């Protein structure tokens, strides 16, 4: 549900160092995007890394039948598209459709630490299985998180290596262990995996760090779900200066949308190290209600539109002169939070 695109970029970085590799562009990962990407396969490609997403039951069944993978698996079962699936059990069923299409001599990858790990295991049909994450066969220890990067020990059945990952946040360390598991399953050496991870570059709008004078802007506007929003807040909390989280609405949550935004508001203002949370959009009032259910309610400001939010962000910079500030922008794709970020950058 979250981490697919970043894991795909990491895996693409590992494999394209070794041989010509086709990697899903952007997130062309649905019943239209996957065939579009498959049409780009050429005889010279040795590897293809295909991201498959689902917004309804049967979609992964359809796309993985087209892809016919040798190695495939799920990164996690989160809360994206809750509305369409009627709960996380439905999401798990939809994602697990992938396992029926792996070649018999292939490998199924599973997230060991996911709370749906047992259900996922039941869907596996291949003899060969490789698990990643805490309690799995490929996992990280001695994790040290820096403001814009991370270091950890990568533990695998092939041995242990130190990795200096150019990505921030514990969630990206987990994405790296997933990418390592996929690469190991097709026989890539541990040394090649480490080199690929250390040279990987994030996708546009996925935790991109932009230094603007003394202020830092973090562009995480590509998309959002409740899990990734919380992970982004943890990354922001690691930064310098006055830390401001600017969150747009999260879509496709169905009837649970107001409640999910309420819980997000409550949780984000409680993150140690965040000084302000600015909610923008239709569900901003619900997030603010959640914030007010805590002792940190004053940290949250809610605005229905980006036009209303911009003057407040500028006033924050004004009041905190000459301190440095760190802003993180994130929301679902349709909210176009990058517009608000660009408007703020113009005024800096």
C-alpha atoms as a PDB file:
ATOM      1  CA  UNK A   1       0.000   0.000   0.000  1.00  0.00           C
ATOM      2  CA  UNK A   2       2.956   2.318   0.504  1.00  0.00           C
ATOM      3  CA  UNK A   3       6.571   2.043  -0.632  1.00  0.00           C
ATOM      4  CA  UNK A   4       5.928   0.349  -4.003  1.00  0.00           C
ATOM      5  CA  UNK A   5       7.393   3.123  -6.129  1.00  0.00           C
ATOM      6  CA  UNK A   6      10.439   3.693  -3.916  1.00  0.00           C
ATOM      7  CA  UNK A   7      11.165  -0.050  -3.718  1.00  0.00           C
ATOM      8  CA  UNK A   8      10.796  -0.229  -7.512  1.00  0.00           C
ATOM      9  CA  UNK A   9      13.315   2.637  -7.949  1.00  0.00           C
ATOM     10  CA  UNK A  10      15.775   0.944  -5.557  1.00  0.00           C
ATOM     11  CA  UNK A  11      15.445  -2.391  -7.363  1.00  0.00           C
ATOM     12  CA  UNK A  12      15.769  -0.637 -10.718  1.00  0.00           C
ATOM     13  CA  UNK A  13      18.980   0.983  -9.484  1.00  0.00           C
ATOM     14  CA  UNK A  14      20.396  -2.420  -8.450  1.00  0.00           C
ATOM     15  CA  UNK A  15      19.534  -4.193 -11.716  1.00  0.00           C
ATOM     16  CA  UNK A  16      20.258  -1.462 -14.263  1.00  0.00           C
ATOM     17  CA  UNK A  17      23.881  -1.332 -13.050  1.00  0.00           C
ATOM     18  CA  UNK A  18      24.191  -4.954 -14.194  1.00  0.00           C
ATOM     19  CA  UNK A  19      22.205  -5.141 -17.453  1.00  0.00           C
ATOM     20  CA  UNK A  20      19.593  -3.246 -19.505  1.00  0.00           C
ATOM     21  CA  UNK A  21      16.477  -3.026 -17.324  1.00  0.00           C
ATOM     22  CA  UNK A  22      12.949  -1.800 -17.979  1.00  0.00           C
ATOM     23  CA  UNK A  23      11.466  -0.062 -14.914  1.00  0.00           C
ATOM     24  CA  UNK A  24       7.874   1.146 -14.540  1.00  0.00           C
ATOM     25  CA  UNK A  25       7.806   4.898 -15.194  1.00  0.00           C
ATOM     26  CA  UNK A  26       6.098   7.032 -12.554  1.00  0.00           C
ATOM     27  CA  UNK A  27       3.312   4.839 -11.280  1.00  0.00           C
ATOM     28  CA  UNK A  28       1.939   3.333 -14.484  1.00  0.00           C
ATOM     29  CA  UNK A  29       0.812   0.444 -12.317  1.00  0.00           C
ATOM     30  CA  UNK A  30      -2.866  -0.148 -13.097  1.00  0.00           C
ATOM     31  CA  UNK A  31      -4.820  -2.099 -15.743  1.00  0.00           C
ATOM     32  CA  UNK A  32      -3.884   0.550 -18.338  1.00  0.00           C
ATOM     33  CA  UNK A  33      -0.389   1.503 -17.130  1.00  0.00           C
ATOM     34  CA  UNK A  34       1.008  -2.041 -16.890  1.00  0.00           C
ATOM     35  CA  UNK A  35       0.253  -2.967 -20.556  1.00  0.00           C
ATOM     36  CA  UNK A  36       1.683   0.415 -21.635  1.00  0.00           C
ATOM     37  CA  UNK A  37       4.951  -0.443 -19.835  1.00  0.00           C
ATOM     38  CA  UNK A  38       5.040  -4.030 -21.154  1.00  0.00           C
ATOM     39  CA  UNK A  39       4.845  -2.658 -24.701  1.00  0.00           C
ATOM     40  CA  UNK A  40       8.203  -0.981 -24.032  1.00  0.00           C
ATOM     41  CA  UNK A  41      10.015  -4.298 -23.485  1.00  0.00           C
ATOM     42  CA  UNK A  42      12.820  -4.745 -26.011  1.00  0.00           C
ATOM     43  CA  UNK A  43      15.001  -7.783 -26.870  1.00  0.00           C
ATOM     44  CA  UNK A  44      17.989  -6.145 -25.102  1.00  0.00           C
ATOM     45  CA  UNK A  45      16.192  -5.924 -21.731  1.00  0.00           C
ATOM     46  CA  UNK A  46      17.542  -8.543 -19.300  1.00  0.00           C
ATOM     47  CA  UNK A  47      15.314  -7.460 -16.426  1.00  0.00           C
ATOM     48  CA  UNK A  48      11.945  -5.780 -15.983  1.00  0.00           C
ATOM     49  CA  UNK A  49      10.789  -4.256 -12.712  1.00  0.00           C
ATOM     50  CA  UNK A  50       7.016  -3.832 -12.832  1.00  0.00           C
ATOM     51  CA  UNK A  51       5.021  -2.012 -10.180  1.00  0.00           C
ATOM     52  CA  UNK A  52       1.462  -3.316  -9.829  1.00  0.00           C
ATOM     53  CA  UNK A  53      -1.166  -1.359  -7.903  1.00  0.00           C
ATOM     54  CA  UNK A  54      -4.789  -2.101  -7.160  1.00  0.00           C
ATOM     55  CA  UNK A  55      -7.797   0.130  -6.690  1.00  0.00           C
ATOM     56  CA  UNK A  56     -10.293  -2.748  -6.984  1.00  0.00           C
ATOM     57  CA  UNK A  57     -10.499  -6.547  -6.620  1.00  0.00           C
ATOM     58  CA  UNK A  58      -9.304  -8.465  -9.684  1.00  0.00           C
ATOM     59  CA  UNK A  59      -6.975  -5.731 -10.958  1.00  0.00           C
ATOM     60  CA  UNK A  60      -3.749  -7.414  -9.743  1.00  0.00           C
ATOM     61  CA  UNK A  61      -5.082 -10.753 -11.031  1.00  0.00           C
ATOM     62  CA  UNK A  62      -5.384  -9.154 -14.485  1.00  0.00           C
ATOM     63  CA  UNK A  63      -2.051  -7.275 -14.520  1.00  0.00           C
ATOM     64  CA  UNK A  64       0.075 -10.061 -13.010  1.00  0.00           C
ATOM     65  CA  UNK A  65      -1.356 -12.468 -15.602  1.00  0.00           C
ATOM     66  CA  UNK A  66       0.050 -10.087 -18.248  1.00  0.00           C
ATOM     67  CA  UNK A  67       3.424  -9.714 -16.519  1.00  0.00           C
ATOM     68  CA  UNK A  68       3.945 -13.457 -15.765  1.00  0.00           C
ATOM     69  CA  UNK A  69       6.565 -12.696 -13.066  1.00  0.00           C
ATOM     70  CA  UNK A  70       9.431 -14.916 -11.985  1.00  0.00           C
ATOM     71  CA  UNK A  71       9.627 -13.105  -8.638  1.00  0.00           C
ATOM     72  CA  UNK A  72       6.768 -11.127  -7.099  1.00  0.00           C
ATOM     73  CA  UNK A  73       5.465 -10.071  -3.740  1.00  0.00           C
ATOM     74  CA  UNK A  74       3.691  -7.561  -1.525  1.00  0.00           C
ATOM     75  CA  UNK A  75       5.503  -4.726   0.284  1.00  0.00           C
ATOM     76  CA  UNK A  76       2.810  -4.175   2.943  1.00  0.00           C
ATOM     77  CA  UNK A  77      -0.930  -4.055   3.591  1.00  0.00           C
ATOM     78  CA  UNK A  78      -1.747  -0.474   4.554  1.00  0.00           C
ATOM     79  CA  UNK A  79      -4.822   1.713   4.390  1.00  0.00           C
ATOM     80  CA  UNK A  80      -4.675   3.069   0.819  1.00  0.00           C
ATOM     81  CA  UNK A  81      -7.969   2.807  -1.151  1.00  0.00           C
ATOM     82  CA  UNK A  82      -9.817   1.646   1.996  1.00  0.00           C
ATOM     83  CA  UNK A  83     -13.086   2.834   0.474  1.00  0.00           C
ATOM     84  CA  UNK A  84     -12.926   0.544  -2.559  1.00  0.00           C
ATOM     85  CA  UNK A  85     -11.952  -2.588  -0.613  1.00  0.00           C
ATOM     86  CA  UNK A  86     -14.147  -2.225   2.461  1.00  0.00           C
ATOM     87  CA  UNK A  87     -11.270  -2.717   4.908  1.00  0.00           C
ATOM     88  CA  UNK A  88      -7.747  -4.078   5.147  1.00  0.00           C
ATOM     89  CA  UNK A  89      -8.865  -7.737   4.737  1.00  0.00           C
ATOM     90  CA  UNK A  90     -10.150  -6.775   1.295  1.00  0.00           C
ATOM     91  CA  UNK A  91      -6.875  -5.016   0.486  1.00  0.00           C
ATOM     92  CA  UNK A  92      -4.950  -8.139   1.522  1.00  0.00           C
ATOM     93  CA  UNK A  93      -7.112 -10.364  -0.707  1.00  0.00           C
ATOM     94  CA  UNK A  94      -6.685  -8.010  -3.682  1.00  0.00           C
ATOM     95  CA  UNK A  95      -2.898  -7.727  -3.324  1.00  0.00           C
ATOM     96  CA  UNK A  96      -2.496 -11.470  -2.761  1.00  0.00           C
ATOM     97  CA  UNK A  97      -3.856 -12.167  -6.252  1.00  0.00           C
ATOM     98  CA  UNK A  98      -0.258 -11.648  -7.416  1.00  0.00           C
ATOM     99  CA  UNK A  99       0.967 -14.957  -5.945  1.00  0.00           C
ATOM    100  CA  UNK A 100      -1.153 -17.144  -8.278  1.00  0.00           C
ATOM    101  CA  UNK A 101       0.807 -15.869 -11.301  1.00  0.00           C
ATOM    102  CA  UNK A 102       4.426 -16.437 -10.247  1.00  0.00           C
ATOM    103  CA  UNK A 103       6.275 -19.040 -12.347  1.00  0.00           C
ATOM    104  CA  UNK A 104       6.341 -22.439 -10.543  1.00  0.00           C
ATOM    105  CA  UNK A 105      10.146 -22.271 -10.341  1.00  0.00           C
ATOM    106  CA  UNK A 106      10.004 -18.627  -9.195  1.00  0.00           C
ATOM    107  CA  UNK A 107      10.056 -17.026  -5.743  1.00  0.00           C
ATOM    108  CA  UNK A 108       7.314 -15.429  -3.661  1.00  0.00           C
ATOM    109  CA  UNK A 109       8.418 -12.433  -1.572  1.00  0.00           C
ATOM    110  CA  UNK A 110       6.505 -11.750   1.654  1.00  0.00           C
ATOM    111  CA  UNK A 111       6.658  -9.010   4.329  1.00  0.00           C
ATOM    112  CA  UNK A 112       7.483 -10.915   7.541  1.00  0.00           C
ATOM    113  CA  UNK A 113       6.579  -8.083   9.919  1.00  0.00           C
ATOM    114  CA  UNK A 114       3.201  -7.215   8.357  1.00  0.00           C
ATOM    115  CA  UNK A 115       0.186  -7.969  10.520  1.00  0.00           C
ATOM    116  CA  UNK A 116      -1.320  -9.803   7.529  1.00  0.00           C
ATOM    117  CA  UNK A 117       1.813 -11.970   7.022  1.00  0.00           C
ATOM    118  CA  UNK A 118      -0.065 -15.205   7.829  1.00  0.00           C
ATOM    119  CA  UNK A 119      -2.872 -14.489   5.335  1.00  0.00           C
ATOM    120  CA  UNK A 120      -0.244 -13.582   2.733  1.00  0.00           C
ATOM    121  CA  UNK A 121       1.649 -16.858   3.327  1.00  0.00           C
ATOM    122  CA  UNK A 122      -1.579 -18.799   2.662  1.00  0.00           C
ATOM    123  CA  UNK A 123      -1.792 -17.250  -0.810  1.00  0.00           C
ATOM    124  CA  UNK A 124       1.744 -18.345  -1.768  1.00  0.00           C
ATOM    125  CA  UNK A 125       1.902 -21.140  -4.374  1.00  0.00           C
ATOM    126  CA  UNK A 126       5.640 -21.410  -5.133  1.00  0.00           C
ATOM    127  CA  UNK A 127       8.043 -23.679  -3.282  1.00  0.00           C
ATOM    128  CA  UNK A 128      10.579 -20.909  -2.958  1.00  0.00           C
ATOM    129  CA  UNK A 129       9.687 -18.118  -0.549  1.00  0.00           C
ATOM    130  CA  UNK A 130      11.851 -15.248   0.712  1.00  0.00           C
ATOM    131  CA  UNK A 131      10.679 -12.967   3.509  1.00  0.00           C
ATOM    132  CA  UNK A 132      11.941  -9.499   4.420  1.00  0.00           C
ATOM    133  CA  UNK A 133      11.573  -7.240   7.457  1.00  0.00           C
ATOM    134  CA  UNK A 134      11.793  -7.995  11.193  1.00  0.00           C
ATOM    135  CA  UNK A 135      11.517 -11.751  11.710  1.00  0.00           C
ATOM    136  CA  UNK A 136      12.285 -12.423   8.035  1.00  0.00           C
ATOM    137  CA  UNK A 137      15.333 -13.733   6.174  1.00  0.00           C
ATOM    138  CA  UNK A 138      16.375 -10.312   4.803  1.00  0.00           C
ATOM    139  CA  UNK A 139      16.280  -7.669   7.531  1.00  0.00           C
ATOM    140  CA  UNK A 140      17.995  -4.536   8.844  1.00  0.00           C
ATOM    141  CA  UNK A 141      19.819  -4.096  12.153  1.00  0.00           C
ATOM    142  CA  UNK A 142      21.849  -1.258  13.685  1.00  0.00           C
ATOM    143  CA  UNK A 143      19.649   1.292  11.903  1.00  0.00           C
ATOM    144  CA  UNK A 144      20.827   4.874  12.277  1.00  0.00           C
ATOM    145  CA  UNK A 145      18.567   7.571  10.848  1.00  0.00           C
ATOM    146  CA  UNK A 146      20.099  10.855   9.726  1.00  0.00           C
ATOM    147  CA  UNK A 147      18.163  13.907   8.552  1.00  0.00           C
ATOM    148  CA  UNK A 148      18.398  12.989   4.858  1.00  0.00           C
ATOM    149  CA  UNK A 149      19.831   9.467   4.834  1.00  0.00           C
ATOM    150  CA  UNK A 150      20.174   6.259   6.851  1.00  0.00           C
ATOM    151  CA  UNK A 151      22.764   3.592   7.594  1.00  0.00           C
ATOM    152  CA  UNK A 152      22.060  -0.004   8.551  1.00  0.00           C
ATOM    153  CA  UNK A 153      23.386  -3.547   8.479  1.00  0.00           C
ATOM    154  CA  UNK A 154      21.683  -5.612   5.784  1.00  0.00           C
ATOM    155  CA  UNK A 155      21.297  -9.204   7.029  1.00  0.00           C
ATOM    156  CA  UNK A 156      20.650 -11.870   4.388  1.00  0.00           C
ATOM    157  CA  UNK A 157      21.072 -15.642   3.911  1.00  0.00           C
ATOM    158  CA  UNK A 158      24.134 -14.689   1.780  1.00  0.00           C
ATOM    159  CA  UNK A 159      25.811 -12.679   4.543  1.00  0.00           C
ATOM    160  CA  UNK A 160      25.777  -9.259   6.190  1.00  0.00           C
ATOM    161  CA  UNK A 161      26.763  -5.887   4.665  1.00  0.00           C
ATOM    162  CA  UNK A 162      26.812  -2.271   5.810  1.00  0.00           C
ATOM    163  CA  UNK A 163      24.562  -0.003   3.673  1.00  0.00           C
ATOM    164  CA  UNK A 164      24.685   3.814   3.448  1.00  0.00           C
ATOM    165  CA  UNK A 165      21.242   4.570   2.067  1.00  0.00           C
ATOM    166  CA  UNK A 166      20.651   8.002   0.443  1.00  0.00           C
ATOM    167  CA  UNK A 167      17.009   7.995   1.651  1.00  0.00           C
ATOM    168  CA  UNK A 168      15.545   9.340   4.901  1.00  0.00           C
ATOM    169  CA  UNK A 169      13.219   7.489   7.253  1.00  0.00           C
ATOM    170  CA  UNK A 170      12.897   4.044   8.774  1.00  0.00           C
ATOM    171  CA  UNK A 171      10.199   3.172   6.188  1.00  0.00           C
ATOM    172  CA  UNK A 172      12.821   3.536   3.440  1.00  0.00           C
ATOM    173  CA  UNK A 173      15.174   1.168   5.275  1.00  0.00           C
ATOM    174  CA  UNK A 174      12.316  -1.370   5.107  1.00  0.00           C
ATOM    175  CA  UNK A 175      11.836  -0.603   1.391  1.00  0.00           C
ATOM    176  CA  UNK A 176      15.558  -1.275   0.900  1.00  0.00           C
ATOM    177  CA  UNK A 177      15.304  -4.695   2.598  1.00  0.00           C
ATOM    178  CA  UNK A 178      12.370  -5.490   0.262  1.00  0.00           C
ATOM    179  CA  UNK A 179      14.379  -4.460  -2.814  1.00  0.00           C
ATOM    180  CA  UNK A 180      17.301  -6.597  -1.556  1.00  0.00           C
ATOM    181  CA  UNK A 181      15.003  -9.620  -1.170  1.00  0.00           C
ATOM    182  CA  UNK A 182      13.696  -9.284  -4.767  1.00  0.00           C
ATOM    183  CA  UNK A 183      17.269  -8.961  -6.089  1.00  0.00           C
ATOM    184  CA  UNK A 184      18.548 -11.959  -4.077  1.00  0.00           C
ATOM    185  CA  UNK A 185      15.659 -14.047  -5.426  1.00  0.00           C
ATOM    186  CA  UNK A 186      17.012 -13.629  -8.974  1.00  0.00           C
ATOM    187  CA  UNK A 187      20.577 -14.409  -7.970  1.00  0.00           C
ATOM    188  CA  UNK A 188      22.072 -10.896  -7.717  1.00  0.00           C
ATOM    189  CA  UNK A 189      25.191 -10.803  -5.533  1.00  0.00           C
ATOM    190  CA  UNK A 190      25.145  -9.005  -2.198  1.00  0.00           C
ATOM    191  CA  UNK A 191      27.904  -6.610  -3.311  1.00  0.00           C
ATOM    192  CA  UNK A 192      25.868  -5.564  -6.376  1.00  0.00           C
ATOM    193  CA  UNK A 193      22.786  -5.070  -4.193  1.00  0.00           C
ATOM    194  CA  UNK A 194      24.658  -2.768  -1.795  1.00  0.00           C
ATOM    195  CA  UNK A 195      26.150  -0.712  -4.666  1.00  0.00           C
ATOM    196  CA  UNK A 196      22.720  -0.360  -6.285  1.00  0.00           C
ATOM    197  CA  UNK A 197      21.037   0.722  -3.039  1.00  0.00           C
ATOM    198  CA  UNK A 198      23.755   3.278  -2.297  1.00  0.00           C
ATOM    199  CA  UNK A 199      23.376   4.833  -5.767  1.00  0.00           C
ATOM    200  CA  UNK A 200      19.571   4.815  -5.879  1.00  0.00           C
ATOM    201  CA  UNK A 201      17.690   8.059  -6.518  1.00  0.00           C
ATOM    202  CA  UNK A 202      14.176   8.748  -5.250  1.00  0.00           C
ATOM    203  CA  UNK A 203      11.240   9.284  -7.589  1.00  0.00           C
ATOM    204  CA  UNK A 204      10.073  12.871  -8.180  1.00  0.00           C
ATOM    205  CA  UNK A 205       7.864  14.116  -5.360  1.00  0.00           C
ATOM    206  CA  UNK A 206       8.993  11.348  -2.997  1.00  0.00           C
ATOM    207  CA  UNK A 207      10.868  12.994  -0.117  1.00  0.00           C
ATOM    208  CA  UNK A 208      12.960  15.256  -2.360  1.00  0.00           C
ATOM    209  CA  UNK A 209      14.987  17.747  -0.297  1.00  0.00           C
ATOM    210  CA  UNK A 210      15.176  21.296  -1.696  1.00  0.00           C
ATOM    211  CA  UNK A 211      17.343  23.877   0.065  1.00  0.00           C
ATOM    212  CA  UNK A 212      16.017  27.398  -0.499  1.00  0.00           C
ATOM    213  CA  UNK A 213      18.341  29.897   1.218  1.00  0.00           C
ATOM    214  CA  UNK A 214      18.263  29.007   4.891  1.00  0.00           C
ATOM    215  CA  UNK A 215      14.954  27.131   4.580  1.00  0.00           C
ATOM    216  CA  UNK A 216      14.457  23.484   3.645  1.00  0.00           C
ATOM    217  CA  UNK A 217      11.455  22.335   1.622  1.00  0.00           C
ATOM    218  CA  UNK A 218      10.698  18.633   1.413  1.00  0.00           C
ATOM    219  CA  UNK A 219       8.656  17.684  -1.640  1.00  0.00           C
ATOM    220  CA  UNK A 220       6.675  14.541  -0.786  1.00  0.00           C
ATOM    221  CA  UNK A 221       3.690  15.628  -2.864  1.00  0.00           C
ATOM    222  CA  UNK A 222       3.507  12.650  -5.201  1.00  0.00           C
ATOM    223  CA  UNK A 223       0.798  10.855  -3.249  1.00  0.00           C
ATOM    224  CA  UNK A 224      -0.307   9.990   0.269  1.00  0.00           C
ATOM    225  CA  UNK A 225      -2.091   7.469   2.417  1.00  0.00           C
ATOM    226  CA  UNK A 226      -2.435   7.485   6.227  1.00  0.00           C
ATOM    227  CA  UNK A 227       0.630   5.250   6.728  1.00  0.00           C
ATOM    228  CA  UNK A 228       2.927   7.266   4.457  1.00  0.00           C
ATOM    229  CA  UNK A 229       1.705  10.557   5.994  1.00  0.00           C
ATOM    230  CA  UNK A 230       2.823   9.373   9.440  1.00  0.00           C
ATOM    231  CA  UNK A 231       6.173   8.158   8.041  1.00  0.00           C
ATOM    232  CA  UNK A 232       6.729  11.581   6.419  1.00  0.00           C
ATOM    233  CA  UNK A 233       6.080  13.323   9.757  1.00  0.00           C
ATOM    234  CA  UNK A 234       8.824  11.209  11.358  1.00  0.00           C
ATOM    235  CA  UNK A 235      11.272  12.300   8.636  1.00  0.00           C
ATOM    236  CA  UNK A 236      10.343  15.971   9.133  1.00  0.00           C
ATOM    237  CA  UNK A 237      10.883  15.620  12.890  1.00  0.00           C
ATOM    238  CA  UNK A 238      14.558  14.782  12.144  1.00  0.00           C
ATOM    239  CA  UNK A 239      15.200  18.082  10.315  1.00  0.00           C
ATOM    240  CA  UNK A 240      16.646  21.393  11.519  1.00  0.00           C
ATOM    241  CA  UNK A 241      14.913  24.575  12.671  1.00  0.00           C
ATOM    242  CA  UNK A 242      11.176  25.211  12.991  1.00  0.00           C
ATOM    243  CA  UNK A 243       9.391  22.183  11.513  1.00  0.00           C
ATOM    244  CA  UNK A 244       6.116  22.659   9.629  1.00  0.00           C
ATOM    245  CA  UNK A 245       4.066  19.796   8.181  1.00  0.00           C
ATOM    246  CA  UNK A 246       1.713  20.866   5.376  1.00  0.00           C
ATOM    247  CA  UNK A 247      -0.789  18.102   4.713  1.00  0.00           C
ATOM    248  CA  UNK A 248      -3.384  17.921   1.956  1.00  0.00           C
ATOM    249  CA  UNK A 249      -6.397  15.610   1.904  1.00  0.00           C
ATOM    250  CA  UNK A 250      -6.028  11.861   1.437  1.00  0.00           C
ATOM    251  CA  UNK A 251      -8.443  10.440  -1.133  1.00  0.00           C
ATOM    252  CA  UNK A 252     -10.147   7.069  -1.658  1.00  0.00           C
ATOM    253  CA  UNK A 253     -10.840   6.417   2.032  1.00  0.00           C
ATOM    254  CA  UNK A 254     -14.586   5.992   1.470  1.00  0.00           C
ATOM    255  CA  UNK A 255     -16.877   6.380   4.450  1.00  0.00           C
ATOM    256  CA  UNK A 256     -13.940   6.297   6.873  1.00  0.00           C
ATOM    257  CA  UNK A 257     -12.386   9.502   5.414  1.00  0.00           C
ATOM    258  CA  UNK A 258     -13.421  11.934   8.161  1.00  0.00           C
ATOM    259  CA  UNK A 259     -12.420   9.474  10.889  1.00  0.00           C
ATOM    260  CA  UNK A 260      -9.037   8.723   9.237  1.00  0.00           C
ATOM    261  CA  UNK A 261      -8.280  12.476   8.976  1.00  0.00           C
ATOM    262  CA  UNK A 262      -9.353  12.969  12.598  1.00  0.00           C
ATOM    263  CA  UNK A 263      -6.873  10.253  13.689  1.00  0.00           C
ATOM    264  CA  UNK A 264      -4.144  11.766  11.499  1.00  0.00           C
ATOM    265  CA  UNK A 265      -4.651  15.224  13.011  1.00  0.00           C
ATOM    266  CA  UNK A 266      -4.480  13.719  16.487  1.00  0.00           C
ATOM    267  CA  UNK A 267      -1.312  11.740  15.718  1.00  0.00           C
ATOM    268  CA  UNK A 268       0.608  14.378  13.731  1.00  0.00           C
ATOM    269  CA  UNK A 269       0.391  17.131  16.357  1.00  0.00           C
ATOM    270  CA  UNK A 270       1.620  14.568  18.890  1.00  0.00           C
ATOM    271  CA  UNK A 271       4.818  13.835  16.897  1.00  0.00           C
ATOM    272  CA  UNK A 272       7.698  15.113  18.995  1.00  0.00           C
ATOM    273  CA  UNK A 273       9.654  17.692  17.032  1.00  0.00           C
ATOM    274  CA  UNK A 274       6.845  18.997  14.813  1.00  0.00           C
ATOM    275  CA  UNK A 275       6.177  22.670  15.637  1.00  0.00           C
ATOM    276  CA  UNK A 276       3.217  23.299  13.326  1.00  0.00           C
ATOM    277  CA  UNK A 277       0.823  21.195  11.268  1.00  0.00           C
ATOM    278  CA  UNK A 278      -1.100  22.971   8.516  1.00  0.00           C
ATOM    279  CA  UNK A 279      -4.032  20.981   7.105  1.00  0.00           C
ATOM    280  CA  UNK A 280      -5.419  22.028   3.720  1.00  0.00           C
ATOM    281  CA  UNK A 281      -8.575  20.767   2.010  1.00  0.00           C
ATOM    282  CA  UNK A 282     -12.077  19.455   2.554  1.00  0.00           C
ATOM    283  CA  UNK A 283     -11.017  17.222   5.450  1.00  0.00           C
ATOM    284  CA  UNK A 284      -8.798  19.819   7.167  1.00  0.00           C
ATOM    285  CA  UNK A 285     -11.549  20.560   9.754  1.00  0.00           C
ATOM    286  CA  UNK A 286     -11.731  16.844  10.644  1.00  0.00           C
ATOM    287  CA  UNK A 287      -7.941  16.777  11.121  1.00  0.00           C
ATOM    288  CA  UNK A 288      -8.162  19.889  13.298  1.00  0.00           C
ATOM    289  CA  UNK A 289     -10.827  18.247  15.455  1.00  0.00           C
ATOM    290  CA  UNK A 290      -8.439  15.340  15.978  1.00  0.00           C
ATOM    291  CA  UNK A 291      -5.636  17.733  16.913  1.00  0.00           C
ATOM    292  CA  UNK A 292      -7.899  19.464  19.455  1.00  0.00           C
ATOM    293  CA  UNK A 293      -8.585  16.130  21.168  1.00  0.00           C
ATOM    294  CA  UNK A 294      -4.948  16.315  22.389  1.00  0.00           C
ATOM    295  CA  UNK A 295      -3.021  18.818  24.503  1.00  0.00           C
ATOM    296  CA  UNK A 296      -1.244  19.973  21.307  1.00  0.00           C
ATOM    297  CA  UNK A 297      -4.330  21.353  19.534  1.00  0.00           C
ATOM    298  CA  UNK A 298      -2.694  24.782  19.093  1.00  0.00           C
ATOM    299  CA  UNK A 299      -0.066  23.287  16.748  1.00  0.00           C
ATOM    300  CA  UNK A 300      -2.704  22.722  14.028  1.00  0.00           C
ATOM    301  CA  UNK A 301      -4.163  25.262  11.612  1.00  0.00           C
ATOM    302  CA  UNK A 302      -6.830  24.218   9.108  1.00  0.00           C
ATOM    303  CA  UNK A 303      -7.641  25.815   5.735  1.00  0.00           C
ATOM    304  CA  UNK A 304     -10.128  24.738   3.082  1.00  0.00           C
ATOM    305  CA  UNK A 305      -7.982  26.004   0.184  1.00  0.00           C
ATOM    306  CA  UNK A 306      -4.311  26.492  -0.707  1.00  0.00           C
ATOM    307  CA  UNK A 307      -4.997  30.200  -1.341  1.00  0.00           C
ATOM    308  CA  UNK A 308      -6.055  30.561   2.303  1.00  0.00           C
ATOM    309  CA  UNK A 309      -3.080  28.549   3.602  1.00  0.00           C
ATOM    310  CA  UNK A 310      -0.343  30.477   1.758  1.00  0.00           C
ATOM    311  CA  UNK A 311      -0.561  33.759   3.771  1.00  0.00           C
ATOM    312  CA  UNK A 312      -0.401  31.735   7.002  1.00  0.00           C
ATOM    313  CA  UNK A 313       2.772  29.917   5.862  1.00  0.00           C
ATOM    314  CA  UNK A 314       4.344  33.263   4.927  1.00  0.00           C
ATOM    315  CA  UNK A 315       3.398  34.732   8.299  1.00  0.00           C
ATOM    316  CA  UNK A 316       5.083  31.777  10.034  1.00  0.00           C
ATOM    317  CA  UNK A 317       8.345  32.567   8.215  1.00  0.00           C
ATOM    318  CA  UNK A 318       7.937  36.245   9.086  1.00  0.00           C
ATOM    319  CA  UNK A 319       7.379  35.589  12.820  1.00  0.00           C
ATOM    320  CA  UNK A 320      10.284  33.159  13.099  1.00  0.00           C
ATOM    321  CA  UNK A 321      12.912  35.362  11.370  1.00  0.00           C
ATOM    322  CA  UNK A 322      15.870  34.795  11.258  1.00  0.00           C
ATOM    323  CA  UNK A 323      15.450  31.106  12.227  1.00  0.00           C
ATOM    324  CA  UNK A 324      15.744  28.400   9.592  1.00  0.00           C
ATOM    325  CA  UNK A 325      12.589  26.424   8.869  1.00  0.00           C
ATOM    326  CA  UNK A 326      11.823  23.004   7.408  1.00  0.00           C
ATOM    327  CA  UNK A 327       8.549  22.488   5.517  1.00  0.00           C
ATOM    328  CA  UNK A 328       7.215  19.129   4.330  1.00  0.00           C
ATOM    329  CA  UNK A 329       4.397  19.078   1.735  1.00  0.00           C
ATOM    330  CA  UNK A 330       2.297  15.948   1.207  1.00  0.00           C
ATOM    331  CA  UNK A 331      -1.179  14.985   0.028  1.00  0.00           C
ATOM    332  CA  UNK A 332      -3.004  12.688  -2.374  1.00  0.00           C
ATOM    333  CA  UNK A 333      -2.169  13.186  -6.059  1.00  0.00           C
ATOM    334  CA  UNK A 334      -5.424  15.042  -6.838  1.00  0.00           C
ATOM    335  CA  UNK A 335      -4.698  17.749  -4.198  1.00  0.00           C
ATOM    336  CA  UNK A 336      -1.632  19.015  -6.151  1.00  0.00           C
ATOM    337  CA  UNK A 337       0.213  20.087  -3.008  1.00  0.00           C
ATOM    338  CA  UNK A 338       3.251  20.838  -5.200  1.00  0.00           C
ATOM    339  CA  UNK A 339       1.361  23.989  -6.334  1.00  0.00           C
ATOM    340  CA  UNK A 340       1.269  25.363  -2.788  1.00  0.00           C
ATOM    341  CA  UNK A 341       4.945  24.463  -2.350  1.00  0.00           C
ATOM    342  CA  UNK A 342       5.879  26.275  -5.593  1.00  0.00           C
ATOM    343  CA  UNK A 343       3.841  29.337  -4.535  1.00  0.00           C
ATOM    344  CA  UNK A 344       5.677  29.461  -1.210  1.00  0.00           C
ATOM    345  CA  UNK A 345       9.097  29.045  -2.884  1.00  0.00           C
ATOM    346  CA  UNK A 346       8.329  31.985  -5.185  1.00  0.00           C
ATOM    347  CA  UNK A 347       7.866  34.234  -2.160  1.00  0.00           C
ATOM    348  CA  UNK A 348      10.962  33.075  -0.248  1.00  0.00           C
END
